[in-house]
PDB file of all heavy atoms in Angstrom:
ATOM      1  N   LYS A   1       0.806  -1.223   0.029  1.00  0.00           N
ATOM      2  CA  LYS A   1       0.004  -0.001  -0.015  1.00  0.00           C
ATOM      3  C   LYS A   1       0.828   1.317   0.026  1.00  0.00           C
ATOM      4  O   LYS A   1       0.320   2.362   0.186  1.00  0.00           O
ATOM      5  CB  LYS A   1      -0.910   0.009   1.247  1.00  0.00           C
ATOM      6  CG  LYS A   1      -1.916  -1.180   1.236  1.00  0.00           C
ATOM      7  CD  LYS A   1      -2.721  -1.119   2.458  1.00  0.00           C
ATOM      8  CE  LYS A   1      -3.739  -2.322   2.488  1.00  0.00           C
ATOM      9  NZ  LYS A   1      -4.576  -2.300   3.691  1.00  0.00           N
ATOM     10  N   GLY A   2       2.148   1.209  -0.133  1.00  0.00           N
ATOM     11  CA  GLY A   2       2.942   2.380  -0.198  1.00  0.00           C
ATOM     12  C   GLY A   2       3.532   2.720   1.122  1.00  0.00           C
ATOM     13  O   GLY A   2       3.230   2.102   2.156  1.00  0.00           O
ATOM     14  N   GLY A   3       4.384   3.806   1.139  1.00  0.00           N
ATOM     15  CA  GLY A   3       5.162   4.116   2.283  1.00  0.00           C
ATOM     16  C   GLY A   3       4.358   4.615   3.463  1.00  0.00           C
ATOM     17  O   GLY A   3       4.801   4.679   4.546  1.00  0.00           O
ATOM     18  N   ALA A   4       3.082   5.079   3.239  1.00  0.00           N
ATOM     19  CA  ALA A   4       2.248   5.575   4.390  1.00  0.00           C
ATOM     20  C   ALA A   4       1.748   4.474   5.274  1.00  0.00           C
ATOM     21  O   ALA A   4       1.289   4.698   6.373  1.00  0.00           O
ATOM     22  CB  ALA A   4       1.100   6.357   3.856  1.00  0.00           C
ATOM     23  N   HIS A   5       1.898   3.247   4.827  1.00  0.00           N
ATOM     24  CA  HIS A   5       1.384   2.066   5.644  1.00  0.00           C
ATOM     25  C   HIS A   5       2.527   1.323   6.270  1.00  0.00           C
ATOM     26  O   HIS A   5       3.619   1.134   5.662  1.00  0.00           O
ATOM     27  CB  HIS A   5       0.563   1.119   4.723  1.00  0.00           C
ATOM     28  CG  HIS A   5      -0.720   1.652   4.237  1.00  0.00           C
ATOM     29  ND1 HIS A   5      -1.886   1.482   4.901  1.00  0.00           N
ATOM     30  CD2 HIS A   5      -0.970   2.510   3.184  1.00  0.00           C
ATOM     31  CE1 HIS A   5      -2.877   2.132   4.284  1.00  0.00           C
ATOM     32  NE2 HIS A   5      -2.387   2.731   3.262  1.00  0.00           N
ATOM     33  N   ARG A   6       2.373   0.899   7.492  1.00  0.00           N
ATOM     34  CA  ARG A   6       3.404   0.265   8.299  1.00  0.00           C
ATOM     35  C   ARG A   6       3.540  -1.220   7.972  1.00  0.00           C
ATOM     36  O   ARG A   6       4.469  -1.877   8.367  1.00  0.00           O
ATOM     37  CB  ARG A   6       3.247   0.446   9.772  1.00  0.00           C
ATOM     38  CG  ARG A   6       3.369   1.909  10.166  1.00  0.00           C
ATOM     39  CD  ARG A   6       3.072   2.105  11.639  1.00  0.00           C
ATOM     40  NE  ARG A   6       1.663   1.784  11.902  1.00  0.00           N
ATOM     41  CZ  ARG A   6       1.162   1.709  13.154  1.00  0.00           C
ATOM     42  NH1 ARG A   6       1.920   1.855  14.159  1.00  0.00           N
ATOM     43  NH2 ARG A   6      -0.121   1.430  13.283  1.00  0.00           N
ATOM     44  N   GLY A   7       2.443  -1.795   7.327  1.00  0.00           N
ATOM     45  CA  GLY A   7       2.521  -3.238   7.110  1.00  0.00           C
ATOM     46  C   GLY A   7       2.433  -4.155   8.304  1.00  0.00           C
ATOM     47  O   GLY A   7       2.924  -5.242   8.333  1.00  0.00           O
ATOM     48  N   LEU A   8       1.717  -3.654   9.312  1.00  0.00           N
ATOM     49  CA  LEU A   8       1.528  -4.420  10.544  1.00  0.00           C
ATOM     50  C   LEU A   8       0.147  -4.975  10.741  1.00  0.00           C
ATOM     51  O   LEU A   8      -0.077  -5.826  11.698  1.00  0.00           O
ATOM     52  CB  LEU A   8       1.844  -3.575  11.801  1.00  0.00           C
ATOM     53  CG  LEU A   8       3.326  -3.090  11.905  1.00  0.00           C
ATOM     54  CD1 LEU A   8       3.464  -2.118  13.101  1.00  0.00           C
ATOM     55  CD2 LEU A   8       4.236  -4.312  12.090  1.00  0.00           C
ATOM     56  N   GLY A   9      -0.787  -4.616   9.885  1.00  0.00           N
ATOM     57  CA  GLY A   9      -2.214  -4.994  10.057  1.00  0.00           C
ATOM     58  C   GLY A   9      -2.452  -6.464  10.151  1.00  0.00           C
ATOM     59  O   GLY A   9      -2.911  -7.009  11.186  1.00  0.00           O
ATOM     60  N   LEU A  10      -2.152  -7.168   9.098  1.00  0.00           N
ATOM     61  CA  LEU A  10      -2.427  -8.608   9.128  1.00  0.00           C
ATOM     62  C   LEU A  10      -1.473  -9.392  10.061  1.00  0.00           C
ATOM     63  O   LEU A  10      -1.830 -10.467  10.607  1.00  0.00           O
ATOM     64  CB  LEU A  10      -2.399  -9.258   7.700  1.00  0.00           C
ATOM     65  CG  LEU A  10      -3.528  -8.802   6.832  1.00  0.00           C
ATOM     66  CD1 LEU A  10      -3.354  -9.373   5.416  1.00  0.00           C
ATOM     67  CD2 LEU A  10      -4.899  -9.334   7.425  1.00  0.00           C
ATOM     68  N   ALA A  11      -0.236  -8.913  10.274  1.00  0.00           N
ATOM     69  CA  ALA A  11       0.617  -9.545  11.215  1.00  0.00           C
ATOM     70  C   ALA A  11       0.007  -9.387  12.608  1.00  0.00           C
ATOM     71  O   ALA A  11       0.160 -10.385  13.423  1.00  0.00           O
ATOM     72  CB  ALA A  11       2.047  -8.885  11.155  1.00  0.00           C
ATOM     73  N   TRP A  12      -0.548  -8.281  12.883  1.00  0.00           N
ATOM     74  CA  TRP A  12      -1.221  -8.048  14.142  1.00  0.00           C
ATOM     75  C   TRP A  12      -2.404  -9.050  14.271  1.00  0.00           C
ATOM     76  O   TRP A  12      -2.675  -9.629  15.349  1.00  0.00           O
ATOM     77  CB  TRP A  12      -1.696  -6.620  14.200  1.00  0.00           C
ATOM     78  CG  TRP A  12      -2.161  -6.112  15.522  1.00  0.00           C
ATOM     79  CD1 TRP A  12      -1.972  -6.720  16.708  1.00  0.00           C
ATOM     80  CD2 TRP A  12      -2.837  -4.933  15.777  1.00  0.00           C
ATOM     81  NE1 TRP A  12      -2.500  -5.958  17.713  1.00  0.00           N
ATOM     82  CE2 TRP A  12      -3.003  -4.856  17.104  1.00  0.00           C
ATOM     83  CE3 TRP A  12      -3.257  -3.831  14.923  1.00  0.00           C
ATOM     84  CZ2 TRP A  12      -3.706  -3.727  17.711  1.00  0.00           C
ATOM     85  CZ3 TRP A  12      -3.925  -2.805  15.538  1.00  0.00           C
ATOM     86  CH2 TRP A  12      -4.126  -2.730  16.904  1.00  0.00           C
ATOM     87  N   VAL A  13      -3.264  -9.141  13.224  1.00  0.00           N
ATOM     88  CA  VAL A  13      -4.347 -10.111  13.243  1.00  0.00           C
ATOM     89  C   VAL A  13      -3.849 -11.530  13.532  1.00  0.00           C
ATOM     90  O   VAL A  13      -4.415 -12.217  14.388  1.00  0.00           O
ATOM     91  CB  VAL A  13      -5.130 -10.075  11.866  1.00  0.00           C
ATOM     92  CG1 VAL A  13      -6.152 -11.190  11.857  1.00  0.00           C
ATOM     93  CG2 VAL A  13      -5.803  -8.635  11.701  1.00  0.00           C
ATOM     94  N   TYR A  14      -2.774 -11.936  12.842  1.00  0.00           N
ATOM     95  CA  TYR A  14      -2.272 -13.282  13.058  1.00  0.00           C
ATOM     96  C   TYR A  14      -1.865 -13.493  14.519  1.00  0.00           C
ATOM     97  O   TYR A  14      -2.152 -14.536  15.120  1.00  0.00           O
ATOM     98  CB  TYR A  14      -1.065 -13.426  12.113  1.00  0.00           C
ATOM     99  CG  TYR A  14      -0.392 -14.834  12.178  1.00  0.00           C
ATOM    100  CD1 TYR A  14      -0.900 -15.880  11.487  1.00  0.00           C
ATOM    101  CD2 TYR A  14       0.678 -15.038  13.030  1.00  0.00           C
ATOM    102  CE1 TYR A  14      -0.321 -17.152  11.488  1.00  0.00           C
ATOM    103  CE2 TYR A  14       1.259 -16.288  13.158  1.00  0.00           C
ATOM    104  CZ  TYR A  14       0.751 -17.321  12.400  1.00  0.00           C
ATOM    105  OH  TYR A  14       1.338 -18.530  12.498  1.00  0.00           O
ATOM    106  N   GLY A  15      -1.176 -12.449  15.049  1.00  0.00           N
ATOM    107  CA  GLY A  15      -0.715 -12.627  16.483  1.00  0.00           C
ATOM    108  C   GLY A  15      -1.850 -12.668  17.439  1.00  0.00           C
ATOM    109  O   GLY A  15      -1.838 -13.513  18.429  1.00  0.00           O
ATOM    110  N   ILE A  16      -2.897 -11.881  17.222  1.00  0.00           N
ATOM    111  CA  ILE A  16      -4.070 -11.857  18.087  1.00  0.00           C
ATOM    112  C   ILE A  16      -4.730 -13.274  18.119  1.00  0.00           C
ATOM    113  O   ILE A  16      -5.075 -13.808  19.190  1.00  0.00           O
ATOM    114  CB  ILE A  16      -5.071 -10.835  17.718  1.00  0.00           C
ATOM    115  CG1 ILE A  16      -4.574  -9.432  18.052  1.00  0.00           C
ATOM    116  CG2 ILE A  16      -6.453 -11.013  18.417  1.00  0.00           C
ATOM    117  CD1 ILE A  16      -5.387  -8.307  17.510  1.00  0.00           C
ATOM    118  N   LEU A  17      -4.937 -13.823  16.934  1.00  0.00           N
ATOM    119  CA  LEU A  17      -5.696 -15.109  16.788  1.00  0.00           C
ATOM    120  C   LEU A  17      -4.861 -16.275  17.326  1.00  0.00           C
ATOM    121  O   LEU A  17      -5.377 -17.157  17.998  1.00  0.00           O
ATOM    122  CB  LEU A  17      -6.106 -15.355  15.375  1.00  0.00           C
ATOM    123  CG  LEU A  17      -7.513 -14.831  14.895  1.00  0.00           C
ATOM    124  CD1 LEU A  17      -8.570 -15.472  15.748  1.00  0.00           C
ATOM    125  CD2 LEU A  17      -7.522 -13.310  14.956  1.00  0.00           C
ATOM    126  N   THR A  18      -3.553 -16.293  17.088  1.00  0.00           N
ATOM    127  CA  THR A  18      -2.762 -17.378  17.524  1.00  0.00           C
ATOM    128  C   THR A  18      -2.563 -17.294  19.058  1.00  0.00           C
ATOM    129  O   THR A  18      -2.546 -18.366  19.761  1.00  0.00           O
ATOM    130  CB  THR A  18      -1.339 -17.383  16.895  1.00  0.00           C
ATOM    131  OG1 THR A  18      -0.791 -16.082  17.070  1.00  0.00           O
ATOM    132  CG2 THR A  18      -1.468 -17.739  15.410  1.00  0.00           C
ATOM    133  N   ASN A  19      -2.568 -16.091  19.628  1.00  0.00           N
ATOM    134  CA  ASN A  19      -2.512 -15.914  21.041  1.00  0.00           C
ATOM    135  C   ASN A  19      -3.714 -16.451  21.686  1.00  0.00           C
ATOM    136  O   ASN A  19      -3.766 -16.756  22.936  1.00  0.00           O
ATOM    137  CB  ASN A  19      -2.230 -14.507  21.446  1.00  0.00           C
ATOM    138  CG  ASN A  19      -0.782 -14.118  21.223  1.00  0.00           C
ATOM    139  OD1 ASN A  19       0.112 -14.951  21.159  1.00  0.00           O
ATOM    140  ND2 ASN A  19      -0.558 -12.766  21.068  1.00  0.00           N
ATOM    141  N   HIS A  20      -4.903 -16.474  21.007  1.00  0.00           N
ATOM    142  CA  HIS A  20      -6.131 -17.035  21.541  1.00  0.00           C
ATOM    143  C   HIS A  20      -6.306 -18.508  21.276  1.00  0.00           C
ATOM    144  O   HIS A  20      -7.286 -19.104  21.653  1.00  0.00           O
ATOM    145  CB  HIS A  20      -7.307 -16.282  20.867  1.00  0.00           C
ATOM    146  CG  HIS A  20      -7.630 -14.985  21.478  1.00  0.00           C
ATOM    147  ND1 HIS A  20      -6.928 -13.852  21.286  1.00  0.00           N
ATOM    148  CD2 HIS A  20      -8.710 -14.646  22.231  1.00  0.00           C
ATOM    149  CE1 HIS A  20      -7.479 -12.875  21.955  1.00  0.00           C
ATOM    150  NE2 HIS A  20      -8.505 -13.308  22.539  1.00  0.00           N
ATOM    151  N   GLY A  21      -5.209 -19.153  20.750  1.00  0.00           N
ATOM    152  CA  GLY A  21      -5.299 -20.593  20.489  1.00  0.00           C
ATOM    153  C   GLY A  21      -6.012 -20.918  19.226  1.00  0.00           C
ATOM    154  O   GLY A  21      -6.288 -22.067  18.963  1.00  0.00           O
ATOM    155  N   GLY A  22      -6.311 -19.915  18.372  1.00  0.00           N
ATOM    156  CA  GLY A  22      -6.972 -20.144  17.109  1.00  0.00           C
ATOM    157  C   GLY A  22      -6.053 -19.840  15.936  1.00  0.00           C
ATOM    158  O   GLY A  22      -4.903 -20.155  15.989  1.00  0.00           O
ATOM    159  N   GLY A  23      -6.574 -19.347  14.920  1.00  0.00           N
ATOM    160  CA  GLY A  23      -5.829 -19.163  13.667  1.00  0.00           C
ATOM    161  C   GLY A  23      -6.575 -18.302  12.652  1.00  0.00           C
ATOM    162  O   GLY A  23      -7.764 -18.005  12.842  1.00  0.00           O
ATOM    163  N   VAL A  24      -5.867 -17.889  11.630  1.00  0.00           N
ATOM    164  CA  VAL A  24      -6.462 -17.101  10.523  1.00  0.00           C
ATOM    165  C   VAL A  24      -5.925 -17.592   9.219  1.00  0.00           C
ATOM    166  O   VAL A  24      -4.730 -17.917   9.130  1.00  0.00           O
ATOM    167  CB  VAL A  24      -6.194 -15.583  10.716  1.00  0.00           C
ATOM    168  CG1 VAL A  24      -4.729 -15.305  10.803  1.00  0.00           C
ATOM    169  CG2 VAL A  24      -6.818 -14.774   9.660  1.00  0.00           C
ATOM    170  N   ALA A  25      -6.819 -17.772   8.222  1.00  0.00           N
ATOM    171  CA  ALA A  25      -6.437 -18.253   6.927  1.00  0.00           C
ATOM    172  C   ALA A  25      -7.012 -17.284   5.898  1.00  0.00           C
ATOM    173  O   ALA A  25      -8.112 -16.758   6.061  1.00  0.00           O
ATOM    174  CB  ALA A  25      -6.956 -19.637   6.710  1.00  0.00           C
ATOM    175  N   VAL A  26      -6.204 -17.067   4.818  1.00  0.00           N
ATOM    176  CA  VAL A  26      -6.652 -16.165   3.729  1.00  0.00           C
ATOM    177  C   VAL A  26      -6.513 -16.950   2.411  1.00  0.00           C
ATOM    178  O   VAL A  26      -5.413 -17.503   2.103  1.00  0.00           O
ATOM    179  CB  VAL A  26      -5.769 -14.931   3.713  1.00  0.00           C
ATOM    180  CG1 VAL A  26      -6.183 -14.044   2.545  1.00  0.00           C
ATOM    181  CG2 VAL A  26      -5.856 -14.069   4.983  1.00  0.00           C
ATOM    182  N   SER A  27      -7.582 -16.920   1.625  1.00  0.00           N
ATOM    183  CA  SER A  27      -7.549 -17.444   0.304  1.00  0.00           C
ATOM    184  C   SER A  27      -7.989 -16.343  -0.691  1.00  0.00           C
ATOM    185  O   SER A  27      -8.850 -15.550  -0.384  1.00  0.00           O
ATOM    186  CB  SER A  27      -8.412 -18.669   0.144  1.00  0.00           C
ATOM    187  OG  SER A  27      -9.744 -18.380   0.523  1.00  0.00           O
ATOM    188  N   SER A  28      -7.354 -16.260  -1.884  1.00  0.00           N
ATOM    189  CA  SER A  28      -7.658 -15.178  -2.768  1.00  0.00           C
ATOM    190  C   SER A  28      -7.203 -15.519  -4.252  1.00  0.00           C
ATOM    191  O   SER A  28      -6.220 -16.323  -4.419  1.00  0.00           O
ATOM    192  CB  SER A  28      -7.038 -13.917  -2.372  1.00  0.00           C
ATOM    193  OG  SER A  28      -7.289 -12.824  -3.182  1.00  0.00           O
ATOM    194  N   GLN A  29      -7.861 -14.957  -5.166  1.00  0.00           N
ATOM    195  CA  GLN A  29      -7.447 -15.000  -6.572  1.00  0.00           C
ATOM    196  C   GLN A  29      -7.544 -13.604  -7.171  1.00  0.00           C
ATOM    197  O   GLN A  29      -8.511 -12.940  -6.929  1.00  0.00           O
ATOM    198  CB  GLN A  29      -8.302 -16.017  -7.362  1.00  0.00           C
ATOM    199  CG  GLN A  29      -8.104 -17.490  -6.992  1.00  0.00           C
ATOM    200  CD  GLN A  29      -8.923 -18.388  -7.867  1.00  0.00           C
ATOM    201  OE1 GLN A  29      -9.852 -17.915  -8.593  1.00  0.00           O
ATOM    202  NE2 GLN A  29      -8.637 -19.650  -7.788  1.00  0.00           N
ATOM    203  N   PRO A  30      -6.595 -13.165  -7.996  1.00  0.00           N
ATOM    204  CA  PRO A  30      -6.693 -11.928  -8.603  1.00  0.00           C
ATOM    205  C   PRO A  30      -7.947 -11.690  -9.367  1.00  0.00           C
ATOM    206  O   PRO A  30      -8.383 -12.589 -10.187  1.00  0.00           O
ATOM    207  CB  PRO A  30      -5.430 -11.836  -9.549  1.00  0.00           C
ATOM    208  CG  PRO A  30      -4.470 -12.818  -8.915  1.00  0.00           C
ATOM    209  CD  PRO A  30      -5.381 -13.915  -8.337  1.00  0.00           C
ATOM    210  N   GLY A  31      -8.602 -10.633  -9.074  1.00  0.00           N
ATOM    211  CA  GLY A  31      -9.888 -10.323  -9.798  1.00  0.00           C
ATOM    212  C   GLY A  31     -11.145 -10.981  -9.212  1.00  0.00           C
ATOM    213  O   GLY A  31     -12.265 -10.629  -9.585  1.00  0.00           O
ATOM    214  N   ASN A  32     -10.927 -11.963  -8.339  1.00  0.00           N
ATOM    215  CA  ASN A  32     -12.078 -12.744  -7.763  1.00  0.00           C
ATOM    216  C   ASN A  32     -12.271 -12.565  -6.290  1.00  0.00           C
ATOM    217  O   ASN A  32     -12.933 -13.401  -5.629  1.00  0.00           O
ATOM    218  CB  ASN A  32     -11.924 -14.224  -8.130  1.00  0.00           C
ATOM    219  CG  ASN A  32     -12.137 -14.522  -9.633  1.00  0.00           C
ATOM    220  OD1 ASN A  32     -12.995 -13.841 -10.236  1.00  0.00           O
ATOM    221  ND2 ASN A  32     -11.317 -15.332 -10.215  1.00  0.00           N
TER     222      ASN A  32
END
């Protein structure tokens, strides 16, 4: 997203969920 973003958002999400004993998964296809 460019220099204005720190790139911590999804890393933070991952940390929160794993600390709860759970997890997070992402699936995606370009344009879909």
